[in-house]
Amino acid sequence: MNAILSLPGRIGLSLIFIISGWGKIVGYAATQQYMEAMGVPSALLPLVILLELGGGLAIAAGAFTRWIALVLAAFSVLTALIFHADFGDAGQAINFWKNVGMAGGFLLLAANGAGEFSIDALRNRRSAKAS
């Protein structure tokens, strides 16, 4: 079951980051303004895009999965605390707990790895043959 479910699980976790990273590129100026309004320097936006889009694509492909999953878990919690901690607003509270849930998924991915259908598994098989 692990081999079958890991790929769609990784894709499901990664899609929100891929779509969000692309959205930040398309709406760059608006994202800069939003970040500044929330007290986050807009100079960090290129790094955020790289993390979301690049990290999302890497998770989907199963490349460097454990490390990227740890970074995305931390990023999910951090963004929950910065952008969604207004529990008086039901929408923000839902987004807060969504981020916490995604962090949990990434921690499971970091603990268990990418699975059989991944670049990580391919690299491991190649290095085992070379040994």
C-alpha atoms as a PDB file:
ATOM      1  CA  MET A   1       0.000   0.000   0.000  1.00  0.00           C
ATOM      2  CA  ASN A   2       2.896   2.380   0.741  1.00  0.00           C
ATOM      3  CA  ALA A   3       4.188   2.145  -2.828  1.00  0.00           C
ATOM      4  CA  ILE A   4       0.752   2.857  -4.266  1.00  0.00           C
ATOM      5  CA  LEU A   5      -0.363   5.660  -1.948  1.00  0.00           C
ATOM      6  CA  SER A   6       2.867   7.610  -1.474  1.00  0.00           C
ATOM      7  CA  LEU A   7       2.846   9.159  -4.951  1.00  0.00           C
ATOM      8  CA  PRO A   8      -0.713  10.564  -4.873  1.00  0.00           C
ATOM      9  CA  GLY A   9      -0.156  11.573  -1.240  1.00  0.00           C
ATOM     10  CA  ARG A  10       2.935  13.578  -2.179  1.00  0.00           C
ATOM     11  CA  ILE A  11       1.139  15.154  -5.116  1.00  0.00           C
ATOM     12  CA  GLY A  12      -1.808  16.097  -2.915  1.00  0.00           C
ATOM     13  CA  LEU A  13       0.437  17.728  -0.329  1.00  0.00           C
ATOM     14  CA  SER A  14       2.475  19.531  -2.956  1.00  0.00           C
ATOM     15  CA  LEU A  15      -0.324  20.978  -5.097  1.00  0.00           C
ATOM     16  CA  ILE A  16      -1.255  23.777  -2.701  1.00  0.00           C
ATOM     17  CA  PHE A  17       2.371  24.920  -2.660  1.00  0.00           C
ATOM     18  CA  ILE A  18       2.844  24.683  -6.435  1.00  0.00           C
ATOM     19  CA  ILE A  19      -0.372  26.612  -7.091  1.00  0.00           C
ATOM     20  CA  SER A  20       0.374  29.160  -4.364  1.00  0.00           C
ATOM     21  CA  GLY A  21       3.949  29.713  -5.562  1.00  0.00           C
ATOM     22  CA  TRP A  22       2.742  30.249  -9.119  1.00  0.00           C
ATOM     23  CA  GLY A  23       0.048  32.605  -7.851  1.00  0.00           C
ATOM     24  CA  LYS A  24       2.677  34.668  -6.085  1.00  0.00           C
ATOM     25  CA  ILE A  25       4.582  35.026  -9.357  1.00  0.00           C
ATOM     26  CA  VAL A  26       1.463  36.090 -11.250  1.00  0.00           C
ATOM     27  CA  GLY A  27       0.332  38.429  -8.472  1.00  0.00           C
ATOM     28  CA  TYR A  28       3.771  39.535  -7.356  1.00  0.00           C
ATOM     29  CA  ALA A  29       2.947  43.163  -6.471  1.00  0.00           C
ATOM     30  CA  ALA A  30      -0.225  42.252  -4.579  1.00  0.00           C
ATOM     31  CA  THR A  31       1.649  39.563  -2.635  1.00  0.00           C
ATOM     32  CA  GLN A  32       4.368  42.075  -1.730  1.00  0.00           C
ATOM     33  CA  GLN A  33       1.737  44.471  -0.388  1.00  0.00           C
ATOM     34  CA  TYR A  34       0.038  41.712   1.621  1.00  0.00           C
ATOM     35  CA  MET A  35       3.320  40.587   3.142  1.00  0.00           C
ATOM     36  CA  GLU A  36       4.227  44.159   4.124  1.00  0.00           C
ATOM     37  CA  ALA A  37       0.750  44.670   5.636  1.00  0.00           C
ATOM     38  CA  MET A  38       1.338  41.586   7.787  1.00  0.00           C
ATOM     39  CA  GLY A  39       4.750  42.853   8.926  1.00  0.00           C
ATOM     40  CA  VAL A  40       6.792  40.509   6.726  1.00  0.00           C
ATOM     41  CA  PRO A  41       9.496  42.103   4.537  1.00  0.00           C
ATOM     42  CA  SER A  42       8.511  41.788   0.898  1.00  0.00           C
ATOM     43  CA  ALA A  43      12.196  41.201   0.087  1.00  0.00           C
ATOM     44  CA  LEU A  44      11.544  37.620   1.264  1.00  0.00           C
ATOM     45  CA  LEU A  45       9.043  37.005  -1.533  1.00  0.00           C
ATOM     46  CA  PRO A  46      11.540  35.440  -3.988  1.00  0.00           C
ATOM     47  CA  LEU A  47      12.575  32.968  -1.275  1.00  0.00           C
ATOM     48  CA  VAL A  48       8.938  32.190  -0.498  1.00  0.00           C
ATOM     49  CA  ILE A  49       8.235  31.550  -4.184  1.00  0.00           C
ATOM     50  CA  LEU A  50      11.308  29.332  -4.463  1.00  0.00           C
ATOM     51  CA  LEU A  51      10.255  27.376  -1.384  1.00  0.00           C
ATOM     52  CA  GLU A  52       6.621  26.997  -2.394  1.00  0.00           C
ATOM     53  CA  LEU A  53       7.046  26.324  -6.108  1.00  0.00           C
ATOM     54  CA  GLY A  54      10.421  24.578  -5.987  1.00  0.00           C
ATOM     55  CA  GLY A  55       9.685  22.709  -2.765  1.00  0.00           C
ATOM     56  CA  GLY A  56       6.258  21.684  -4.014  1.00  0.00           C
ATOM     57  CA  LEU A  57       7.676  20.346  -7.271  1.00  0.00           C
ATOM     58  CA  ALA A  58      10.438  18.503  -5.394  1.00  0.00           C
ATOM     59  CA  ILE A  59       7.910  16.861  -3.046  1.00  0.00           C
ATOM     60  CA  ALA A  60       5.719  15.851  -5.990  1.00  0.00           C
ATOM     61  CA  ALA A  61       8.727  14.271  -7.696  1.00  0.00           C
ATOM     62  CA  GLY A  62      10.014  12.758  -4.472  1.00  0.00           C
ATOM     63  CA  ALA A  63      13.375  14.527  -4.601  1.00  0.00           C
ATOM     64  CA  PHE A  64      15.202  15.359  -1.344  1.00  0.00           C
ATOM     65  CA  THR A  65      11.865  14.566   0.250  1.00  0.00           C
ATOM     66  CA  ARG A  66      12.767  14.220   3.905  1.00  0.00           C
ATOM     67  CA  TRP A  67      14.640  17.529   4.144  1.00  0.00           C
ATOM     68  CA  ILE A  68      12.206  19.525   2.043  1.00  0.00           C
ATOM     69  CA  ALA A  69       9.271  18.058   3.971  1.00  0.00           C
ATOM     70  CA  LEU A  70      10.853  19.270   7.228  1.00  0.00           C
ATOM     71  CA  VAL A  71      11.330  22.754   5.799  1.00  0.00           C
ATOM     72  CA  LEU A  72       7.758  22.860   4.447  1.00  0.00           C
ATOM     73  CA  ALA A  73       6.401  21.646   7.800  1.00  0.00           C
ATOM     74  CA  ALA A  74       8.175  24.507   9.576  1.00  0.00           C
ATOM     75  CA  PHE A  75       7.061  26.957   6.864  1.00  0.00           C
ATOM     76  CA  SER A  76       3.450  25.791   7.257  1.00  0.00           C
ATOM     77  CA  VAL A  77       3.475  26.388  11.008  1.00  0.00           C
ATOM     78  CA  LEU A  78       5.257  29.722  10.655  1.00  0.00           C
ATOM     79  CA  THR A  79       2.797  31.000   8.051  1.00  0.00           C
ATOM     80  CA  ALA A  80      -0.112  29.780  10.189  1.00  0.00           C
ATOM     81  CA  LEU A  81       1.191  31.832  13.100  1.00  0.00           C
ATOM     82  CA  ILE A  82       1.956  34.952  11.043  1.00  0.00           C
ATOM     83  CA  PHE A  83      -0.964  35.053   8.605  1.00  0.00           C
ATOM     84  CA  HIS A  84      -3.801  32.972  10.073  1.00  0.00           C
ATOM     85  CA  ALA A  85      -3.772  33.312  13.875  1.00  0.00           C
ATOM     86  CA  ASP A  86      -6.912  35.481  13.981  1.00  0.00           C
ATOM     87  CA  PHE A  87      -9.226  32.997  15.673  1.00  0.00           C
ATOM     88  CA  GLY A  88     -12.032  35.567  15.754  1.00  0.00           C
ATOM     89  CA  ASP A  89     -12.259  35.132  11.977  1.00  0.00           C
ATOM     90  CA  ALA A  90     -13.601  31.669  11.171  1.00  0.00           C
ATOM     91  CA  GLY A  91     -11.891  31.620   7.761  1.00  0.00           C
ATOM     92  CA  GLN A  92      -8.511  32.452   9.260  1.00  0.00           C
ATOM     93  CA  ALA A  93      -8.983  29.846  11.991  1.00  0.00           C
ATOM     94  CA  ILE A  94      -9.725  27.214   9.343  1.00  0.00           C
ATOM     95  CA  ASN A  95      -6.608  28.259   7.413  1.00  0.00           C
ATOM     96  CA  PHE A  96      -4.574  28.090  10.627  1.00  0.00           C
ATOM     97  CA  TRP A  97      -5.623  24.484  11.290  1.00  0.00           C
ATOM     98  CA  LYS A  98      -5.209  23.615   7.582  1.00  0.00           C
ATOM     99  CA  ASN A  99      -1.597  24.722   7.846  1.00  0.00           C
ATOM    100  CA  VAL A 100      -1.119  22.702  11.023  1.00  0.00           C
ATOM    101  CA  GLY A 101      -2.599  19.665   9.245  1.00  0.00           C
ATOM    102  CA  MET A 102      -0.261  20.148   6.279  1.00  0.00           C
ATOM    103  CA  ALA A 103       2.671  20.387   8.680  1.00  0.00           C
ATOM    104  CA  GLY A 104       1.583  17.052  10.153  1.00  0.00           C
ATOM    105  CA  GLY A 105       1.481  15.505   6.699  1.00  0.00           C
ATOM    106  CA  PHE A 106       4.947  16.816   5.931  1.00  0.00           C
ATOM    107  CA  LEU A 107       6.287  15.450   9.213  1.00  0.00           C
ATOM    108  CA  LEU A 108       4.915  12.015   8.285  1.00  0.00           C
ATOM    109  CA  LEU A 109       6.554  12.361   4.882  1.00  0.00           C
ATOM    110  CA  ALA A 110       9.852  13.320   6.523  1.00  0.00           C
ATOM    111  CA  ALA A 111       9.605  10.318   8.843  1.00  0.00           C
ATOM    112  CA  ASN A 112       8.647   7.775   6.177  1.00  0.00           C
ATOM    113  CA  GLY A 113      10.283   9.090   3.018  1.00  0.00           C
ATOM    114  CA  ALA A 114       8.944   9.522  -0.485  1.00  0.00           C
ATOM    115  CA  GLY A 115       8.088   5.917  -1.248  1.00  0.00           C
ATOM    116  CA  GLU A 116       8.981   3.635  -4.116  1.00  0.00           C
ATOM    117  CA  PHE A 117       7.854   5.874  -6.986  1.00  0.00           C
ATOM    118  CA  SER A 118      10.216   8.781  -6.386  1.00  0.00           C
ATOM    119  CA  ILE A 119      13.519  10.289  -7.411  1.00  0.00           C
ATOM    120  CA  ASP A 120      14.816   9.503  -3.910  1.00  0.00           C
ATOM    121  CA  ALA A 121      14.082   5.776  -4.377  1.00  0.00           C
ATOM    122  CA  LEU A 122      15.688   5.816  -7.816  1.00  0.00           C
ATOM    123  CA  ARG A 123      18.840   7.427  -6.377  1.00  0.00           C
ATOM    124  CA  ASN A 124      18.906   4.870  -3.551  1.00  0.00           C
ATOM    125  CA  ARG A 125      18.622   1.961  -6.007  1.00  0.00           C
ATOM    126  CA  ARG A 126      21.418   3.398  -8.152  1.00  0.00           C
ATOM    127  CA  SER A 127      23.738   3.925  -5.187  1.00  0.00           C
ATOM    128  CA  ALA A 128      23.027   0.372  -3.927  1.00  0.00           C
ATOM    129  CA  LYS A 129      24.020  -1.025  -7.336  1.00  0.00           C
ATOM    130  CA  ALA A 130      27.191   1.051  -7.342  1.00  0.00           C
ATOM    131  CA  SER A 131      28.263  -0.286  -3.951  1.00  0.00           C
END
